[in-house]
Amino acid sequence: MKKLVLIFFLSAFYSNAQTLFSVDYKSQADISLYVVDYKSQADLLVYKVDYKSQAKGNEGLWYFVDYKSQADFNIYFVDYKSQADLKIFFVDYKSQAGWQSKEKKHLLY
């Protein structure tokens, strides 16, 4: 019974990880993104972490993986803001990461 509880806890913990893989075609993506020029235009402020273990929760801490099979989400970067499901801005510090607009937070669950 303890093993079952531990497995459930660990799967819940890792299910919200934010590991991503950038695909070549929009049809392969779970979500399309547009990188905005200013923080104020973004739905989500993203910080790229150095290690997969740092990409926890749904708070904009992202780790980019080398293979599609390792990713929680496959993403595609679009050329125009109107084509995007989510607008993001890459920040310089981990403490700056987070949702500006919580109405789109469900897209990364």
N, C-alpha and C. Protein backbone atom coordinates (compact mmCIF):
# COMPACT_ATOMS: atom_id res chain seq x y z
N MET A 1 0.82 -1.19 0.00
CA MET A 1 0.00 0.00 0.00
C MET A 1 0.86 1.26 0.00
N LYS A 2 1.96 1.25 0.77
CA LYS A 2 2.84 2.42 0.82
C LYS A 2 3.45 2.71 -0.55
N LYS A 3 3.77 1.64 -1.29
CA LYS A 3 4.35 1.82 -2.62
C LYS A 3 3.34 2.47 -3.56
N LEU A 4 2.09 2.08 -3.45
CA LEU A 4 1.05 2.65 -4.29
C LEU A 4 0.87 4.14 -4.02
N VAL A 5 0.87 4.51 -2.76
CA VAL A 5 0.75 5.91 -2.37
C VAL A 5 1.95 6.70 -2.88
N LEU A 6 3.14 6.14 -2.76
CA LEU A 6 4.35 6.80 -3.21
C LEU A 6 4.33 6.99 -4.73
N ILE A 7 3.91 5.99 -5.47
CA ILE A 7 3.83 6.09 -6.92
C ILE A 7 2.82 7.16 -7.33
N PHE A 8 1.68 7.20 -6.66
CA PHE A 8 0.67 8.21 -6.95
C PHE A 8 1.21 9.61 -6.68
N PHE A 9 1.88 9.79 -5.55
CA PHE A 9 2.43 11.09 -5.18
C PHE A 9 3.48 11.54 -6.20
N LEU A 10 4.37 10.65 -6.59
CA LEU A 10 5.41 11.01 -7.54
C LEU A 10 4.85 11.32 -8.92
N SER A 11 3.85 10.58 -9.36
CA SER A 11 3.26 10.85 -10.67
C SER A 11 2.54 12.19 -10.67
N ALA A 12 1.90 12.54 -9.57
CA ALA A 12 1.24 13.85 -9.46
C ALA A 12 2.28 14.96 -9.44
N PHE A 13 3.39 14.72 -8.79
CA PHE A 13 4.46 15.72 -8.69
C PHE A 13 5.07 15.99 -10.06
N TYR A 14 5.33 14.94 -10.81
CA TYR A 14 5.98 15.11 -12.10
C TYR A 14 5.03 15.44 -13.24
N SER A 15 3.75 15.28 -13.05
CA SER A 15 2.80 15.55 -14.13
C SER A 15 2.71 17.03 -14.46
N ASN A 16 3.08 17.90 -13.55
CA ASN A 16 3.05 19.33 -13.81
C ASN A 16 4.40 19.89 -14.21
N ALA A 17 5.33 19.04 -14.52
CA ALA A 17 6.64 19.53 -14.95
C ALA A 17 6.49 20.25 -16.28
N GLN A 18 7.39 21.15 -16.54
CA GLN A 18 7.32 21.92 -17.77
C GLN A 18 8.54 21.62 -18.63
N THR A 19 8.59 20.42 -19.18
CA THR A 19 9.63 20.07 -20.13
C THR A 19 9.03 20.19 -21.52
N LEU A 20 9.78 20.86 -22.40
CA LEU A 20 9.24 21.18 -23.71
C LEU A 20 10.19 20.80 -24.83
N PHE A 21 9.58 20.54 -25.98
CA PHE A 21 10.34 20.25 -27.18
C PHE A 21 9.76 21.11 -28.30
N SER A 22 10.62 21.79 -29.02
CA SER A 22 10.19 22.66 -30.11
C SER A 22 10.12 21.85 -31.41
N VAL A 23 8.93 21.73 -31.95
CA VAL A 23 8.71 20.94 -33.17
C VAL A 23 8.84 21.82 -34.41
N ASP A 24 8.95 21.18 -35.57
CA ASP A 24 9.16 21.90 -36.83
C ASP A 24 7.86 22.34 -37.50
N TYR A 25 6.76 21.69 -37.15
CA TYR A 25 5.49 22.00 -37.81
C TYR A 25 4.39 22.22 -36.78
N LYS A 26 3.52 23.16 -37.06
CA LYS A 26 2.44 23.51 -36.14
C LYS A 26 1.53 22.31 -35.88
N SER A 27 1.33 21.47 -36.87
CA SER A 27 0.47 20.31 -36.72
C SER A 27 1.00 19.29 -35.71
N GLN A 28 2.28 19.35 -35.41
CA GLN A 28 2.90 18.44 -34.43
C GLN A 28 2.82 18.98 -33.00
N ALA A 29 2.41 20.21 -32.87
CA ALA A 29 2.48 20.89 -31.57
C ALA A 29 1.22 20.72 -30.73
N ASP A 30 1.44 20.72 -29.42
CA ASP A 30 0.33 20.76 -28.47
C ASP A 30 -0.15 22.20 -28.29
N ILE A 31 0.79 23.13 -28.44
CA ILE A 31 0.49 24.54 -28.23
C ILE A 31 1.40 25.40 -29.10
N SER A 32 0.84 26.49 -29.62
CA SER A 32 1.65 27.41 -30.42
C SER A 32 1.95 28.65 -29.60
N LEU A 33 3.18 29.13 -29.75
CA LEU A 33 3.67 30.25 -28.94
C LEU A 33 4.17 31.39 -29.81
N TYR A 34 4.03 32.57 -29.27
CA TYR A 34 4.62 33.76 -29.90
C TYR A 34 5.43 34.48 -28.84
N VAL A 35 6.65 34.82 -29.17
CA VAL A 35 7.52 35.54 -28.24
C VAL A 35 7.32 37.04 -28.48
N VAL A 36 6.80 37.72 -27.48
CA VAL A 36 6.52 39.15 -27.59
C VAL A 36 7.78 39.96 -27.27
N ASP A 37 7.75 41.23 -27.62
CA ASP A 37 8.90 42.11 -27.43
C ASP A 37 8.98 42.70 -26.02
N TYR A 38 7.83 42.78 -25.37
CA TYR A 38 7.79 43.42 -24.04
C TYR A 38 7.07 42.54 -23.04
N LYS A 39 7.54 42.59 -21.81
CA LYS A 39 6.94 41.83 -20.70
C LYS A 39 5.44 42.06 -20.59
N SER A 40 5.04 43.30 -20.72
CA SER A 40 3.64 43.67 -20.53
C SER A 40 2.69 43.05 -21.55
N GLN A 41 3.22 42.57 -22.67
CA GLN A 41 2.40 41.96 -23.71
C GLN A 41 2.19 40.46 -23.51
N ALA A 42 2.91 39.87 -22.59
CA ALA A 42 2.93 38.41 -22.44
C ALA A 42 1.83 37.89 -21.52
N ASP A 43 1.38 36.68 -21.83
CA ASP A 43 0.50 35.93 -20.93
C ASP A 43 1.34 35.26 -19.85
N LEU A 44 2.54 34.82 -20.26
CA LEU A 44 3.42 34.07 -19.37
C LEU A 44 4.85 34.57 -19.50
N LEU A 45 5.49 34.80 -18.37
CA LEU A 45 6.90 35.14 -18.33
C LEU A 45 7.67 33.85 -18.08
N VAL A 46 8.60 33.51 -18.96
CA VAL A 46 9.27 32.22 -18.95
C VAL A 46 10.75 32.39 -18.62
N TYR A 47 11.22 31.50 -17.75
CA TYR A 47 12.64 31.42 -17.44
C TYR A 47 13.12 30.03 -17.82
N LYS A 48 14.17 29.96 -18.65
CA LYS A 48 14.72 28.67 -19.06
C LYS A 48 15.68 28.19 -17.99
N VAL A 49 15.35 27.07 -17.36
CA VAL A 49 16.18 26.51 -16.30
C VAL A 49 17.27 25.61 -16.90
N ASP A 50 18.30 25.37 -16.11
CA ASP A 50 19.44 24.58 -16.58
C ASP A 50 19.27 23.08 -16.42
N TYR A 51 18.39 22.68 -15.51
CA TYR A 51 18.20 21.26 -15.21
C TYR A 51 16.73 20.90 -15.21
N LYS A 52 16.44 19.71 -15.67
CA LYS A 52 15.06 19.22 -15.75
C LYS A 52 14.38 19.25 -14.38
N SER A 53 15.12 18.95 -13.34
CA SER A 53 14.55 18.92 -11.99
C SER A 53 14.08 20.29 -11.51
N GLN A 54 14.54 21.36 -12.14
CA GLN A 54 14.13 22.71 -11.77
C GLN A 54 12.83 23.14 -12.42
N ALA A 55 12.38 22.39 -13.41
CA ALA A 55 11.17 22.73 -14.15
C ALA A 55 9.95 22.13 -13.47
N LYS A 56 9.54 22.75 -12.38
CA LYS A 56 8.44 22.23 -11.58
C LYS A 56 7.22 23.14 -11.69
N GLY A 57 6.07 22.51 -11.63
CA GLY A 57 4.83 23.27 -11.61
C GLY A 57 4.52 23.94 -12.92
N ASN A 58 3.56 24.81 -12.87
CA ASN A 58 3.09 25.54 -14.05
C ASN A 58 3.31 27.03 -13.82
N GLU A 59 4.56 27.39 -13.55
CA GLU A 59 4.87 28.77 -13.20
C GLU A 59 5.90 29.41 -14.12
N GLY A 60 6.08 28.86 -15.31
CA GLY A 60 6.98 29.47 -16.28
C GLY A 60 8.43 29.06 -16.16
N LEU A 61 8.71 28.01 -15.44
CA LEU A 61 10.07 27.47 -15.35
C LEU A 61 10.17 26.32 -16.35
N TRP A 62 10.81 26.58 -17.47
CA TRP A 62 10.83 25.63 -18.58
C TRP A 62 12.21 25.03 -18.79
N TYR A 63 12.17 23.75 -19.16
CA TYR A 63 13.38 23.04 -19.54
C TYR A 63 13.15 22.45 -20.93
N PHE A 64 14.02 22.77 -21.87
CA PHE A 64 13.90 22.26 -23.23
C PHE A 64 14.69 20.97 -23.37
N VAL A 65 13.99 19.92 -23.80
CA VAL A 65 14.60 18.60 -23.94
C VAL A 65 15.08 18.39 -25.37
N ASP A 66 15.91 17.39 -25.56
CA ASP A 66 16.51 17.11 -26.87
C ASP A 66 15.63 16.22 -27.75
N TYR A 67 14.72 15.50 -27.14
CA TYR A 67 13.88 14.56 -27.89
C TYR A 67 12.41 14.75 -27.57
N LYS A 68 11.60 14.63 -28.59
CA LYS A 68 10.16 14.81 -28.48
C LYS A 68 9.55 13.87 -27.43
N SER A 69 10.04 12.67 -27.34
CA SER A 69 9.49 11.69 -26.41
C SER A 69 9.75 12.05 -24.94
N GLN A 70 10.69 12.94 -24.68
CA GLN A 70 11.01 13.35 -23.31
C GLN A 70 10.16 14.51 -22.83
N ALA A 71 9.42 15.12 -23.72
CA ALA A 71 8.71 16.36 -23.41
C ALA A 71 7.31 16.15 -22.85
N ASP A 72 6.93 17.05 -21.96
CA ASP A 72 5.54 17.11 -21.49
C ASP A 72 4.67 17.80 -22.54
N PHE A 73 5.25 18.77 -23.23
CA PHE A 73 4.54 19.53 -24.26
C PHE A 73 5.43 19.71 -25.47
N ASN A 74 4.81 19.60 -26.64
CA ASN A 74 5.46 19.93 -27.89
C ASN A 74 4.98 21.31 -28.28
N ILE A 75 5.92 22.21 -28.55
CA ILE A 75 5.55 23.59 -28.85
C ILE A 75 6.01 23.98 -30.23
N TYR A 76 5.33 24.99 -30.77
CA TYR A 76 5.70 25.54 -32.07
C TYR A 76 5.67 27.05 -31.96
N PHE A 77 6.75 27.69 -32.40
CA PHE A 77 6.84 29.14 -32.38
C PHE A 77 6.29 29.70 -33.69
N VAL A 78 5.25 30.51 -33.60
CA VAL A 78 4.61 31.10 -34.78
C VAL A 78 5.23 32.45 -35.09
N ASP A 79 4.97 32.94 -36.30
CA ASP A 79 5.54 34.21 -36.75
C ASP A 79 4.68 35.42 -36.40
N TYR A 80 3.41 35.18 -36.14
CA TYR A 80 2.49 36.29 -35.87
C TYR A 80 1.72 36.06 -34.57
N LYS A 81 1.54 37.12 -33.83
CA LYS A 81 0.85 37.08 -32.55
C LYS A 81 -0.55 36.47 -32.66
N SER A 82 -1.24 36.78 -33.74
CA SER A 82 -2.61 36.30 -33.92
C SER A 82 -2.70 34.78 -34.12
N GLN A 83 -1.60 34.14 -34.46
CA GLN A 83 -1.58 32.69 -34.68
C GLN A 83 -1.32 31.90 -33.39
N ALA A 84 -0.96 32.59 -32.33
CA ALA A 84 -0.50 31.93 -31.11
C ALA A 84 -1.63 31.59 -30.15
N ASP A 85 -1.46 30.47 -29.48
CA ASP A 85 -2.34 30.12 -28.36
C ASP A 85 -1.91 30.88 -27.12
N LEU A 86 -0.61 31.13 -27.03
CA LEU A 86 -0.04 31.73 -25.82
C LEU A 86 1.09 32.68 -26.21
N LYS A 87 1.11 33.87 -25.58
CA LYS A 87 2.18 34.84 -25.80
C LYS A 87 3.13 34.77 -24.61
N ILE A 88 4.43 34.63 -24.91
CA ILE A 88 5.41 34.50 -23.84
C ILE A 88 6.51 35.55 -23.99
N PHE A 89 7.21 35.75 -22.89
CA PHE A 89 8.38 36.62 -22.87
C PHE A 89 9.43 35.93 -22.01
N PHE A 90 10.66 35.81 -22.52
CA PHE A 90 11.73 35.17 -21.77
C PHE A 90 12.38 36.18 -20.84
N VAL A 91 12.43 35.84 -19.56
CA VAL A 91 13.01 36.73 -18.55
C VAL A 91 14.42 36.27 -18.18
N ASP A 92 15.14 37.16 -17.53
CA ASP A 92 16.53 36.90 -17.18
C ASP A 92 16.72 36.23 -15.82
N TYR A 93 15.69 36.32 -14.99
CA TYR A 93 15.81 35.79 -13.63
C TYR A 93 14.65 34.86 -13.29
N LYS A 94 14.95 33.82 -12.58
CA LYS A 94 13.96 32.81 -12.17
C LYS A 94 12.81 33.45 -11.40
N SER A 95 13.12 34.42 -10.56
CA SER A 95 12.10 35.05 -9.72
C SER A 95 11.09 35.88 -10.53
N GLN A 96 11.41 36.19 -11.77
CA GLN A 96 10.51 36.97 -12.62
C GLN A 96 9.48 36.10 -13.35
N ALA A 97 9.69 34.80 -13.37
CA ALA A 97 8.82 33.90 -14.12
C ALA A 97 7.44 33.82 -13.47
N GLY A 98 6.43 33.66 -14.31
CA GLY A 98 5.08 33.49 -13.79
C GLY A 98 4.03 33.98 -14.77
N TRP A 99 2.79 33.72 -14.40
CA TRP A 99 1.66 34.08 -15.25
C TRP A 99 1.28 35.54 -15.06
N GLN A 100 1.13 36.22 -16.18
CA GLN A 100 0.61 37.58 -16.19
C GLN A 100 -0.91 37.53 -16.32
N SER A 101 -1.36 36.55 -17.10
CA SER A 101 -2.78 36.37 -17.38
C SER A 101 -3.14 34.92 -17.05
N LYS A 102 -3.81 34.73 -15.94
CA LYS A 102 -4.13 33.37 -15.47
C LYS A 102 -5.21 32.68 -16.31
N GLU A 103 -5.89 33.41 -17.18
CA GLU A 103 -6.96 32.81 -17.98
C GLU A 103 -6.45 31.78 -18.98
N LYS A 104 -5.17 31.79 -19.28
CA LYS A 104 -4.61 30.80 -20.22
C LYS A 104 -3.76 29.75 -19.53
N LYS A 105 -3.76 29.76 -18.23
CA LYS A 105 -2.94 28.83 -17.44
C LYS A 105 -3.29 27.36 -17.74
N HIS A 106 -4.55 27.11 -18.06
CA HIS A 106 -5.00 25.74 -18.35
C HIS A 106 -4.31 25.11 -19.56
N LEU A 107 -3.75 25.93 -20.43
CA LEU A 107 -3.11 25.41 -21.63
C LEU A 107 -1.88 24.56 -21.35
N LEU A 108 -1.27 24.75 -20.19
CA LEU A 108 -0.06 23.99 -19.86
C LEU A 108 -0.27 23.03 -18.70
N TYR A 109 -1.48 22.48 -18.60
CA TYR A 109 -1.74 21.42 -17.62
C TYR A 109 -1.87 20.11 -18.31
